[in-house]
Amino acid sequence: MDSAAVVGTGLIGTSIALALRGRGVATYLIDTDQEAARVAAGLGAGIAGPPRGPVDLAVLAVPPQQVAAVLKEHQLGDLADDFTDAASVKEPPQREAARLGCDLTRFVGGHPMGGREQSGPLAARDDLFHGRPWVLTPSARTRPQTHERARRLAELCGARPVVMTHAEHDRAVALISHAPHLVSTLLAARLLHGARSQLGLAGQGLQDVTRLAGGSTELWTDILGSNAVAVADVLADFAHEVDDVVEVLRELGTAREPEQRRTHLEALSTVLVRGVQGRARIPACGGTGAPSTSTAYAAAPGGA
């Protein structure tokens, strides 16, 4: 791949562009926020502005609900021979693109699984995706050349291409990213009820479990709204488990007989053990890039 265009110069788009430029790919930066594109260009991510002719591949680093319209716009404008995206939800954009009459033979969904809490081009890193999975979701209509170029994009960014269906991807990110973001957010919101003297005792543990809540609210409203059913399914199961733990704790707090306390303590211990076991199933992050986080996988509107 000799040339590329990145539409949306936020964290993800600029990180992709930096990686491509580092591998010698001529890269053009397009954003409704021209200042963001100029900042990204100043970082060495490419040339601010559209190319004179079609590039090999255009990467749409925009929120899920914008993907289809942006794809339609730039296919009509002949920006590239092939197109992919970087949004963290795949099924709704694919349906909308079909409804709009986009050329789906020249499009393959993509999602680089890396991010940070910060947003915007200044937070970008050329190694953000090193060793990370990069999901590709080709449809039955995707032509081989388009799929191959998207796969090559992932490799140029140091990532590991993984092929999934749209639905498989959306269920997966609901479990490992979208629902955790909401849980972190809900826990952080509880701190609004804490006294200043209580919050003054907080340490790194609280920082860790609420870290995800620092993401862009505008972007995450788009992401969660686009994957609402899958996220709701995960949270419904989680809510049942929270209810069970609440019941155990209340019964433990009022139990007087040793046998009753022992039973409730065993139930509580089982919950903690399952947590240890679940955490152990998370693969270690490879490479030097940041681990996947509940942050801006796709650029915010205007490439923020």
C-alpha atoms as a PDB file:
ATOM      1  CA  MET A   1       0.000   0.000   0.000  1.00  0.00           C
ATOM      2  CA  ASP A   2       1.580   3.267  -1.155  1.00  0.00           C
ATOM      3  CA  SER A   3      -0.986   5.879  -0.153  1.00  0.00           C
ATOM      4  CA  ALA A   4      -3.780   6.366   2.373  1.00  0.00           C
ATOM      5  CA  ALA A   5      -6.202   8.952   3.667  1.00  0.00           C
ATOM      6  CA  VAL A   6      -7.339   9.220   7.268  1.00  0.00           C
ATOM      7  CA  VAL A   7     -10.707  10.878   7.839  1.00  0.00           C
ATOM      8  CA  GLY A   8     -10.909  12.056  11.443  1.00  0.00           C
ATOM      9  CA  THR A   9      -7.707  13.189  13.150  1.00  0.00           C
ATOM     10  CA  GLY A  10      -8.518  12.373  16.756  1.00  0.00           C
ATOM     11  CA  LEU A  11      -6.575   9.958  18.923  1.00  0.00           C
ATOM     12  CA  ILE A  12      -7.200   6.906  16.758  1.00  0.00           C
ATOM     13  CA  GLY A  13      -6.993   8.520  13.340  1.00  0.00           C
ATOM     14  CA  THR A  14      -3.787  10.393  14.131  1.00  0.00           C
ATOM     15  CA  SER A  15      -2.215   7.306  15.708  1.00  0.00           C
ATOM     16  CA  ILE A  16      -2.979   5.340  12.536  1.00  0.00           C
ATOM     17  CA  ALA A  17      -1.572   8.132  10.377  1.00  0.00           C
ATOM     18  CA  LEU A  18       1.612   8.362  12.467  1.00  0.00           C
ATOM     19  CA  ALA A  19       2.153   4.618  12.109  1.00  0.00           C
ATOM     20  CA  LEU A  20       1.592   4.745   8.345  1.00  0.00           C
ATOM     21  CA  ARG A  21       3.961   7.675   7.862  1.00  0.00           C
ATOM     22  CA  GLY A  22       6.549   5.803   9.892  1.00  0.00           C
ATOM     23  CA  ARG A  23       6.316   2.971   7.362  1.00  0.00           C
ATOM     24  CA  GLY A  24       6.690   5.301   4.379  1.00  0.00           C
ATOM     25  CA  VAL A  25       3.030   5.460   3.301  1.00  0.00           C
ATOM     26  CA  ALA A  26       1.950   8.791   1.795  1.00  0.00           C
ATOM     27  CA  THR A  27      -0.863   9.832   4.150  1.00  0.00           C
ATOM     28  CA  TYR A  28      -3.473  12.586   3.826  1.00  0.00           C
ATOM     29  CA  LEU A  29      -5.424  13.983   6.765  1.00  0.00           C
ATOM     30  CA  ILE A  30      -9.061  15.049   6.417  1.00  0.00           C
ATOM     31  CA  ASP A  31     -11.187  16.477   9.213  1.00  0.00           C
ATOM     32  CA  THR A  32     -14.170  18.797   9.539  1.00  0.00           C
ATOM     33  CA  ASP A  33     -12.043  20.460  12.222  1.00  0.00           C
ATOM     34  CA  GLN A  34      -9.231  21.781  10.044  1.00  0.00           C
ATOM     35  CA  GLU A  35      -7.205  22.854  13.067  1.00  0.00           C
ATOM     36  CA  ALA A  36      -7.147  19.240  14.306  1.00  0.00           C
ATOM     37  CA  ALA A  37      -5.858  18.133  10.898  1.00  0.00           C
ATOM     38  CA  ARG A  38      -3.160  20.822  11.006  1.00  0.00           C
ATOM     39  CA  VAL A  39      -2.121  19.745  14.506  1.00  0.00           C
ATOM     40  CA  ALA A  40      -1.886  16.121  13.351  1.00  0.00           C
ATOM     41  CA  ALA A  41       0.160  17.204  10.333  1.00  0.00           C
ATOM     42  CA  GLY A  42       2.445  19.155  12.636  1.00  0.00           C
ATOM     43  CA  LEU A  43       3.091  15.967  14.572  1.00  0.00           C
ATOM     44  CA  GLY A  44       4.302  14.313  11.376  1.00  0.00           C
ATOM     45  CA  ALA A  45       1.135  12.316  10.717  1.00  0.00           C
ATOM     46  CA  GLY A  46       0.823  13.344   7.068  1.00  0.00           C
ATOM     47  CA  ILE A  47      -0.415  16.110   4.805  1.00  0.00           C
ATOM     48  CA  ALA A  48      -3.423  18.147   5.933  1.00  0.00           C
ATOM     49  CA  GLY A  49      -5.997  18.097   3.147  1.00  0.00           C
ATOM     50  CA  PRO A  50      -7.334  15.714   0.508  1.00  0.00           C
ATOM     51  CA  PRO A  51      -5.133  14.055  -2.115  1.00  0.00           C
ATOM     52  CA  ARG A  52      -5.222  15.116  -5.756  1.00  0.00           C
ATOM     53  CA  GLY A  53      -6.393  11.683  -6.835  1.00  0.00           C
ATOM     54  CA  PRO A  54      -7.709   8.471  -5.250  1.00  0.00           C
ATOM     55  CA  VAL A  55      -5.448   6.866  -2.647  1.00  0.00           C
ATOM     56  CA  ASP A  56      -5.214   3.124  -2.109  1.00  0.00           C
ATOM     57  CA  LEU A  57      -7.146   3.040   1.172  1.00  0.00           C
ATOM     58  CA  ALA A  58      -9.181   5.505   3.215  1.00  0.00           C
ATOM     59  CA  VAL A  59      -9.584   4.959   6.960  1.00  0.00           C
ATOM     60  CA  LEU A  60     -12.736   6.468   8.472  1.00  0.00           C
ATOM     61  CA  ALA A  61     -11.772   7.249  12.081  1.00  0.00           C
ATOM     62  CA  VAL A  62     -15.170   8.651  13.072  1.00  0.00           C
ATOM     63  CA  PRO A  63     -17.833   7.601  15.611  1.00  0.00           C
ATOM     64  CA  PRO A  64     -20.096   4.644  14.742  1.00  0.00           C
ATOM     65  CA  GLN A  65     -23.162   6.706  13.857  1.00  0.00           C
ATOM     66  CA  GLN A  66     -21.162   8.771  11.367  1.00  0.00           C
ATOM     67  CA  VAL A  67     -19.443   5.913   9.500  1.00  0.00           C
ATOM     68  CA  ALA A  68     -22.096   5.247   6.841  1.00  0.00           C
ATOM     69  CA  ALA A  69     -22.656   8.895   5.899  1.00  0.00           C
ATOM     70  CA  VAL A  70     -18.914   9.605   5.772  1.00  0.00           C
ATOM     71  CA  LEU A  71     -18.364   6.472   3.683  1.00  0.00           C
ATOM     72  CA  LYS A  72     -21.064   7.569   1.235  1.00  0.00           C
ATOM     73  CA  GLU A  73     -19.600  11.081   1.004  1.00  0.00           C
ATOM     74  CA  HIS A  74     -16.075   9.972   0.275  1.00  0.00           C
ATOM     75  CA  GLN A  75     -17.011   7.171  -2.094  1.00  0.00           C
ATOM     76  CA  LEU A  76     -18.949   9.721  -4.131  1.00  0.00           C
ATOM     77  CA  GLY A  77     -15.925  12.018  -3.947  1.00  0.00           C
ATOM     78  CA  ASP A  78     -13.629   9.250  -5.198  1.00  0.00           C
ATOM     79  CA  LEU A  79     -11.272   9.631  -2.232  1.00  0.00           C
ATOM     80  CA  ALA A  80      -9.920   6.083  -2.385  1.00  0.00           C
ATOM     81  CA  ASP A  81     -10.078   2.770  -4.185  1.00  0.00           C
ATOM     82  CA  ASP A  82     -10.933   0.981  -0.935  1.00  0.00           C
ATOM     83  CA  PHE A  83     -12.352   1.948   2.456  1.00  0.00           C
ATOM     84  CA  THR A  84     -12.280   0.747   6.043  1.00  0.00           C
ATOM     85  CA  ASP A  85     -13.226   2.305   9.363  1.00  0.00           C
ATOM     86  CA  ALA A  86     -12.022   2.300  12.965  1.00  0.00           C
ATOM     87  CA  ALA A  87     -15.308   2.535  14.864  1.00  0.00           C
ATOM     88  CA  SER A  88     -15.954   0.355  17.897  1.00  0.00           C
ATOM     89  CA  VAL A  89     -19.367  -0.887  16.705  1.00  0.00           C
ATOM     90  CA  LYS A  90     -19.783  -2.730  13.426  1.00  0.00           C
ATOM     91  CA  GLU A  91     -23.303  -4.049  12.756  1.00  0.00           C
ATOM     92  CA  PRO A  92     -25.357  -0.790  12.739  1.00  0.00           C
ATOM     93  CA  PRO A  93     -22.900   1.118  10.486  1.00  0.00           C
ATOM     94  CA  GLN A  94     -22.874  -1.789   8.029  1.00  0.00           C
ATOM     95  CA  ARG A  95     -26.697  -1.821   7.867  1.00  0.00           C
ATOM     96  CA  GLU A  96     -26.837   1.944   7.431  1.00  0.00           C
ATOM     97  CA  ALA A  97     -24.184   1.867   4.705  1.00  0.00           C
ATOM     98  CA  ALA A  98     -26.261  -0.683   2.808  1.00  0.00           C
ATOM     99  CA  ARG A  99     -29.371   1.478   3.246  1.00  0.00           C
ATOM    100  CA  LEU A 100     -27.543   4.518   1.868  1.00  0.00           C
ATOM    101  CA  GLY A 101     -26.421   2.583  -1.187  1.00  0.00           C
ATOM    102  CA  CYS A 102     -22.701   2.607  -0.416  1.00  0.00           C
ATOM    103  CA  ASP A 103     -20.474   0.352  -2.517  1.00  0.00           C
ATOM    104  CA  LEU A 104     -19.929  -2.413   0.030  1.00  0.00           C
ATOM    105  CA  THR A 105     -17.618  -4.346  -2.283  1.00  0.00           C
ATOM    106  CA  ARG A 106     -15.003  -1.661  -1.528  1.00  0.00           C
ATOM    107  CA  PHE A 107     -15.580  -1.449   2.218  1.00  0.00           C
ATOM    108  CA  VAL A 108     -14.541  -3.637   5.129  1.00  0.00           C
ATOM    109  CA  GLY A 109     -15.295  -2.823   8.754  1.00  0.00           C
ATOM    110  CA  GLY A 110     -12.314  -2.470  11.049  1.00  0.00           C
ATOM    111  CA  HIS A 111     -11.641  -1.838  14.731  1.00  0.00           C
ATOM    112  CA  PRO A 112      -8.126  -1.402  16.163  1.00  0.00           C
ATOM    113  CA  MET A 113      -8.307  -2.558  19.777  1.00  0.00           C
ATOM    114  CA  GLY A 114      -6.196   0.101  21.412  1.00  0.00           C
ATOM    115  CA  GLY A 115      -6.900   3.398  23.080  1.00  0.00           C
ATOM    116  CA  ARG A 116      -6.200   5.871  25.848  1.00  0.00           C
ATOM    117  CA  GLU A 117      -8.260   8.009  28.219  1.00  0.00           C
ATOM    118  CA  GLN A 118      -7.077  11.150  26.451  1.00  0.00           C
ATOM    119  CA  SER A 119      -8.567  12.291  23.157  1.00  0.00           C
ATOM    120  CA  GLY A 120      -7.446  14.464  20.271  1.00  0.00           C
ATOM    121  CA  PRO A 121      -4.392  14.369  18.017  1.00  0.00           C
ATOM    122  CA  LEU A 122      -1.951  15.444  20.735  1.00  0.00           C
ATOM    123  CA  ALA A 123      -2.670  12.198  22.596  1.00  0.00           C
ATOM    124  CA  ALA A 124      -1.772  10.079  19.540  1.00  0.00           C
ATOM    125  CA  ARG A 125       1.079   7.555  19.505  1.00  0.00           C
ATOM    126  CA  ASP A 126       2.597   5.737  16.570  1.00  0.00           C
ATOM    127  CA  ASP A 127       2.845   2.545  18.655  1.00  0.00           C
ATOM    128  CA  LEU A 128      -0.697   2.646  20.054  1.00  0.00           C
ATOM    129  CA  PHE A 129      -1.687  -0.587  18.300  1.00  0.00           C
ATOM    130  CA  HIS A 130       1.544  -2.571  18.619  1.00  0.00           C
ATOM    131  CA  GLY A 131       0.732  -6.164  19.503  1.00  0.00           C
ATOM    132  CA  ARG A 132      -2.983  -5.428  19.783  1.00  0.00           C
ATOM    133  CA  PRO A 133      -5.807  -7.195  17.914  1.00  0.00           C
ATOM    134  CA  TRP A 134      -7.270  -5.315  14.948  1.00  0.00           C
ATOM    135  CA  VAL A 135     -10.688  -6.739  14.125  1.00  0.00           C
ATOM    136  CA  LEU A 136     -11.787  -6.912  10.480  1.00  0.00           C
ATOM    137  CA  THR A 137     -15.426  -7.649   9.650  1.00  0.00           C
ATOM    138  CA  PRO A 138     -15.682  -8.376   5.924  1.00  0.00           C
ATOM    139  CA  SER A 139     -19.145  -8.928   4.518  1.00  0.00           C
ATOM    140  CA  ALA A 140     -20.094 -11.390   1.800  1.00  0.00           C
ATOM    141  CA  ARG A 141     -19.764  -8.500  -0.663  1.00  0.00           C
ATOM    142  CA  THR A 142     -16.270  -7.344   0.340  1.00  0.00           C
ATOM    143  CA  ARG A 143     -13.836  -7.905  -2.510  1.00  0.00           C
ATOM    144  CA  PRO A 144     -10.505  -9.657  -1.738  1.00  0.00           C
ATOM    145  CA  GLN A 145      -8.406  -6.584  -2.576  1.00  0.00           C
ATOM    146  CA  THR A 146     -10.271  -4.467  -0.037  1.00  0.00           C
ATOM    147  CA  HIS A 147      -9.872  -7.082   2.676  1.00  0.00           C
ATOM    148  CA  GLU A 148      -6.181  -7.468   1.898  1.00  0.00           C
ATOM    149  CA  ARG A 149      -5.526  -3.729   2.070  1.00  0.00           C
ATOM    150  CA  ALA A 150      -7.272  -3.467   5.436  1.00  0.00           C
ATOM    151  CA  ARG A 151      -5.256  -6.432   6.698  1.00  0.00           C
ATOM    152  CA  ARG A 152      -2.075  -4.743   5.489  1.00  0.00           C
ATOM    153  CA  LEU A 153      -3.110  -1.535   7.270  1.00  0.00           C
ATOM    154  CA  ALA A 154      -3.344  -3.414  10.558  1.00  0.00           C
ATOM    155  CA  GLU A 155       0.080  -4.961  10.041  1.00  0.00           C
ATOM    156  CA  LEU A 156       1.670  -1.618   9.139  1.00  0.00           C
ATOM    157  CA  CYS A 157       0.351  -0.302  12.461  1.00  0.00           C
ATOM    158  CA  GLY A 158       1.973  -3.210  14.294  1.00  0.00           C
ATOM    159  CA  ALA A 159      -1.354  -4.880  15.081  1.00  0.00           C
ATOM    160  CA  ARG A 160      -2.605  -8.444  14.725  1.00  0.00           C
ATOM    161  CA  PRO A 161      -5.519  -8.814  12.248  1.00  0.00           C
ATOM    162  CA  VAL A 162      -8.480 -10.838  13.561  1.00  0.00           C
ATOM    163  CA  VAL A 163     -11.504 -11.662  11.386  1.00  0.00           C
ATOM    164  CA  MET A 164     -14.967 -11.737  12.981  1.00  0.00           C
ATOM    165  CA  THR A 165     -18.566 -11.267  11.916  1.00  0.00           C
ATOM    166  CA  HIS A 166     -20.206  -7.942  12.711  1.00  0.00           C
ATOM    167  CA  ALA A 167     -22.403  -9.496  15.404  1.00  0.00           C
ATOM    168  CA  GLU A 168     -19.521 -11.427  17.003  1.00  0.00           C
ATOM    169  CA  HIS A 169     -17.501  -8.242  17.231  1.00  0.00           C
ATOM    170  CA  ASP A 170     -20.299  -6.205  18.801  1.00  0.00           C
ATOM    171  CA  ARG A 171     -21.005  -8.864  21.441  1.00  0.00           C
ATOM    172  CA  ALA A 172     -17.298  -9.085  22.227  1.00  0.00           C
ATOM    173  CA  VAL A 173     -16.760  -5.357  22.720  1.00  0.00           C
ATOM    174  CA  ALA A 174     -19.935  -5.139  24.815  1.00  0.00           C
ATOM    175  CA  LEU A 175     -18.293  -7.589  27.237  1.00  0.00           C
ATOM    176  CA  ILE A 176     -14.703  -6.371  27.252  1.00  0.00           C
ATOM    177  CA  SER A 177     -15.103  -2.620  26.683  1.00  0.00           C
ATOM    178  CA  HIS A 178     -18.553  -1.047  26.562  1.00  0.00           C
ATOM    179  CA  ALA A 179     -20.131  -2.578  29.684  1.00  0.00           C
ATOM    180  CA  PRO A 180     -16.908  -2.061  31.715  1.00  0.00           C
ATOM    181  CA  HIS A 181     -16.977   1.602  30.729  1.00  0.00           C
ATOM    182  CA  LEU A 182     -20.508   1.961  32.073  1.00  0.00           C
ATOM    183  CA  VAL A 183     -19.692   0.076  35.282  1.00  0.00           C
ATOM    184  CA  SER A 184     -16.687   2.338  35.845  1.00  0.00           C
ATOM    185  CA  THR A 185     -18.858   5.364  35.121  1.00  0.00           C
ATOM    186  CA  LEU A 186     -21.596   4.298  37.537  1.00  0.00           C
ATOM    187  CA  LEU A 187     -19.060   3.680  40.277  1.00  0.00           C
ATOM    188  CA  ALA A 188     -17.424   7.054  39.653  1.00  0.00           C
ATOM    189  CA  ALA A 189     -20.838   8.725  39.797  1.00  0.00           C
ATOM    190  CA  ARG A 190     -21.342   7.320  43.302  1.00  0.00           C
ATOM    191  CA  LEU A 191     -18.448   9.513  44.422  1.00  0.00           C
ATOM    192  CA  LEU A 192     -20.691  12.541  43.903  1.00  0.00           C
ATOM    193  CA  HIS A 193     -22.379  11.438  47.144  1.00  0.00           C
ATOM    194  CA  GLY A 194     -19.130  11.129  49.099  1.00  0.00           C
ATOM    195  CA  ALA A 195     -17.983  13.686  51.648  1.00  0.00           C
ATOM    196  CA  ARG A 196     -14.734  15.484  50.913  1.00  0.00           C
ATOM    197  CA  SER A 197     -13.210  13.868  54.001  1.00  0.00           C
ATOM    198  CA  GLN A 198     -14.066  10.425  52.598  1.00  0.00           C
ATOM    199  CA  LEU A 199     -12.653  11.138  49.150  1.00  0.00           C
ATOM    200  CA  GLY A 200      -9.476  12.428  50.753  1.00  0.00           C
ATOM    201  CA  LEU A 201      -8.690   8.852  51.780  1.00  0.00           C
ATOM    202  CA  ALA A 202      -8.834   7.517  48.185  1.00  0.00           C
ATOM    203  CA  GLY A 203      -5.787   5.790  46.752  1.00  0.00           C
ATOM    204  CA  GLN A 204      -4.632   4.174  43.538  1.00  0.00           C
ATOM    205  CA  GLY A 205      -7.231   1.419  43.697  1.00  0.00           C
ATOM    206  CA  LEU A 206     -10.106   3.861  43.262  1.00  0.00           C
ATOM    207  CA  GLN A 207      -8.191   5.652  40.514  1.00  0.00           C
ATOM    208  CA  ASP A 208      -7.782   2.320  38.705  1.00  0.00           C
ATOM    209  CA  VAL A 209     -11.416   1.217  38.805  1.00  0.00           C
ATOM    210  CA  THR A 210     -12.779   4.646  37.815  1.00  0.00           C
ATOM    211  CA  ARG A 211     -10.151   5.406  35.152  1.00  0.00           C
ATOM    212  CA  LEU A 212     -12.437   4.438  32.288  1.00  0.00           C
ATOM    213  CA  ALA A 213     -15.025   6.998  33.363  1.00  0.00           C
ATOM    214  CA  GLY A 214     -12.751   9.775  32.107  1.00  0.00           C
ATOM    215  CA  GLY A 215     -13.581   9.224  28.430  1.00  0.00           C
ATOM    216  CA  SER A 216     -15.459  11.650  26.177  1.00  0.00           C
ATOM    217  CA  THR A 217     -19.147  11.646  27.125  1.00  0.00           C
ATOM    218  CA  GLU A 218     -20.149  12.697  23.606  1.00  0.00           C
ATOM    219  CA  LEU A 219     -18.217   9.872  22.002  1.00  0.00           C
ATOM    220  CA  TRP A 220     -19.374   7.266  24.502  1.00  0.00           C
ATOM    221  CA  THR A 221     -23.011   8.249  24.128  1.00  0.00           C
ATOM    222  CA  ASP A 222     -22.569   7.477  20.414  1.00  0.00           C
ATOM    223  CA  ILE A 223     -20.770   4.180  21.046  1.00  0.00           C
ATOM    224  CA  LEU A 224     -23.152   2.868  23.705  1.00  0.00           C
ATOM    225  CA  GLY A 225     -26.187   3.997  21.748  1.00  0.00           C
ATOM    226  CA  SER A 226     -24.909   2.112  18.713  1.00  0.00           C
ATOM    227  CA  ASN A 227     -24.361  -1.123  20.650  1.00  0.00           C
ATOM    228  CA  ALA A 228     -27.216  -0.724  23.119  1.00  0.00           C
ATOM    229  CA  VAL A 229     -28.754  -4.229  23.063  1.00  0.00           C
ATOM    230  CA  ALA A 230     -25.481  -6.124  23.439  1.00  0.00           C
ATOM    231  CA  VAL A 231     -24.377  -3.849  26.281  1.00  0.00           C
ATOM    232  CA  ALA A 232     -27.758  -4.165  28.008  1.00  0.00           C
ATOM    233  CA  ASP A 233     -27.471  -7.968  27.878  1.00  0.00           C
ATOM    234  CA  VAL A 234     -24.087  -7.893  29.638  1.00  0.00           C
ATOM    235  CA  LEU A 235     -25.261  -5.383  32.240  1.00  0.00           C
ATOM    236  CA  ALA A 236     -28.446  -7.353  32.959  1.00  0.00           C
ATOM    237  CA  ASP A 237     -26.405 -10.411  33.951  1.00  0.00           C
ATOM    238  CA  PHE A 238     -24.042  -8.183  35.926  1.00  0.00           C
ATOM    239  CA  ALA A 239     -26.975  -6.578  37.761  1.00  0.00           C
ATOM    240  CA  HIS A 240     -28.266 -10.009  38.826  1.00  0.00           C
ATOM    241  CA  GLU A 241     -24.859 -10.822  40.289  1.00  0.00           C
ATOM    242  CA  VAL A 242     -24.721  -7.467  42.094  1.00  0.00           C
ATOM    243  CA  ASP A 243     -28.150  -8.181  43.604  1.00  0.00           C
ATOM    244  CA  ASP A 244     -26.917 -11.571  44.820  1.00  0.00           C
ATOM    245  CA  VAL A 245     -23.844  -9.996  46.448  1.00  0.00           C
ATOM    246  CA  VAL A 246     -25.965  -7.315  48.122  1.00  0.00           C
ATOM    247  CA  GLU A 247     -28.172 -10.024  49.623  1.00  0.00           C
ATOM    248  CA  VAL A 248     -25.166 -11.990  50.866  1.00  0.00           C
ATOM    249  CA  LEU A 249     -23.624  -8.895  52.471  1.00  0.00           C
ATOM    250  CA  ARG A 250     -26.854  -7.879  54.196  1.00  0.00           C
ATOM    251  CA  GLU A 251     -27.376 -11.375  55.554  1.00  0.00           C
ATOM    252  CA  LEU A 252     -23.741 -11.524  56.649  1.00  0.00           C
ATOM    253  CA  GLY A 253     -24.091  -8.210  58.456  1.00  0.00           C
ATOM    254  CA  THR A 254     -27.089  -9.415  60.469  1.00  0.00           C
ATOM    255  CA  ALA A 255     -26.131 -13.062  61.023  1.00  0.00           C
ATOM    256  CA  ARG A 256     -25.604 -14.025  64.660  1.00  0.00           C
ATOM    257  CA  GLU A 257     -25.052 -17.756  64.519  1.00  0.00           C
ATOM    258  CA  PRO A 258     -21.524 -18.937  63.584  1.00  0.00           C
ATOM    259  CA  GLU A 259     -22.881 -21.415  61.066  1.00  0.00           C
ATOM    260  CA  GLN A 260     -24.874 -18.699  59.294  1.00  0.00           C
ATOM    261  CA  ARG A 261     -21.838 -16.425  59.136  1.00  0.00           C
ATOM    262  CA  ARG A 262     -19.696 -19.249  57.796  1.00  0.00           C
ATOM    263  CA  THR A 263     -22.227 -19.939  55.021  1.00  0.00           C
ATOM    264  CA  HIS A 264     -22.390 -16.302  53.961  1.00  0.00           C
ATOM    265  CA  LEU A 265     -18.623 -15.876  54.130  1.00  0.00           C
ATOM    266  CA  GLU A 266     -18.214 -18.890  51.853  1.00  0.00           C
ATOM    267  CA  ALA A 267     -20.654 -17.343  49.357  1.00  0.00           C
ATOM    268  CA  LEU A 268     -18.718 -14.063  49.468  1.00  0.00           C
ATOM    269  CA  SER A 269     -15.431 -15.892  49.002  1.00  0.00           C
ATOM    270  CA  THR A 270     -16.848 -17.662  45.948  1.00  0.00           C
ATOM    271  CA  VAL A 271     -17.612 -14.280  44.365  1.00  0.00           C
ATOM    272  CA  LEU A 272     -14.053 -13.090  44.991  1.00  0.00           C
ATOM    273  CA  VAL A 273     -12.541 -16.301  43.640  1.00  0.00           C
ATOM    274  CA  ARG A 274     -14.585 -16.013  40.453  1.00  0.00           C
ATOM    275  CA  GLY A 275     -13.256 -12.497  40.032  1.00  0.00           C
ATOM    276  CA  VAL A 276      -9.669 -13.708  40.328  1.00  0.00           C
ATOM    277  CA  GLN A 277     -10.382 -16.467  37.830  1.00  0.00           C
ATOM    278  CA  GLY A 278     -12.057 -14.099  35.370  1.00  0.00           C
ATOM    279  CA  ARG A 279      -9.232 -11.579  35.506  1.00  0.00           C
ATOM    280  CA  ALA A 280      -6.709 -14.353  34.866  1.00  0.00           C
ATOM    281  CA  ARG A 281      -8.411 -15.031  31.524  1.00  0.00           C
ATOM    282  CA  ILE A 282      -7.468 -11.595  30.161  1.00  0.00           C
ATOM    283  CA  PRO A 283      -4.543 -12.084  27.747  1.00  0.00           C
ATOM    284  CA  ALA A 284      -1.398 -10.126  28.497  1.00  0.00           C
ATOM    285  CA  CYS A 285      -0.957  -7.125  26.203  1.00  0.00           C
ATOM    286  CA  GLY A 286       1.744  -7.647  23.630  1.00  0.00           C
ATOM    287  CA  GLY A 287       4.133  -5.097  22.219  1.00  0.00           C
ATOM    288  CA  THR A 288       4.779  -1.624  23.578  1.00  0.00           C
ATOM    289  CA  GLY A 289       1.397  -0.141  22.791  1.00  0.00           C
ATOM    290  CA  ALA A 290      -1.121   0.732  25.442  1.00  0.00           C
ATOM    291  CA  PRO A 291      -3.676  -1.927  26.374  1.00  0.00           C
ATOM    292  CA  SER A 292      -7.158  -1.694  25.010  1.00  0.00           C
ATOM    293  CA  THR A 293      -9.163   0.657  27.198  1.00  0.00           C
ATOM    294  CA  SER A 294     -12.638   2.030  27.331  1.00  0.00           C
ATOM    295  CA  THR A 295     -11.592   5.133  25.482  1.00  0.00           C
ATOM    296  CA  ALA A 296     -11.793   6.759  22.112  1.00  0.00           C
ATOM    297  CA  TYR A 297     -11.487   3.816  19.731  1.00  0.00           C
ATOM    298  CA  ALA A 298     -13.041   6.070  17.093  1.00  0.00           C
ATOM    299  CA  ALA A 299     -12.515   9.768  16.777  1.00  0.00           C
ATOM    300  CA  ALA A 300     -15.138  12.025  18.259  1.00  0.00           C
ATOM    301  CA  PRO A 301     -17.193  14.238  15.939  1.00  0.00           C
ATOM    302  CA  GLY A 302     -14.886  16.528  14.102  1.00  0.00           C
ATOM    303  CA  GLY A 303     -11.967  14.276  14.939  1.00  0.00           C
ATOM    304  CA  ALA A 304     -11.682  15.294  18.598  1.00  0.00           C
END
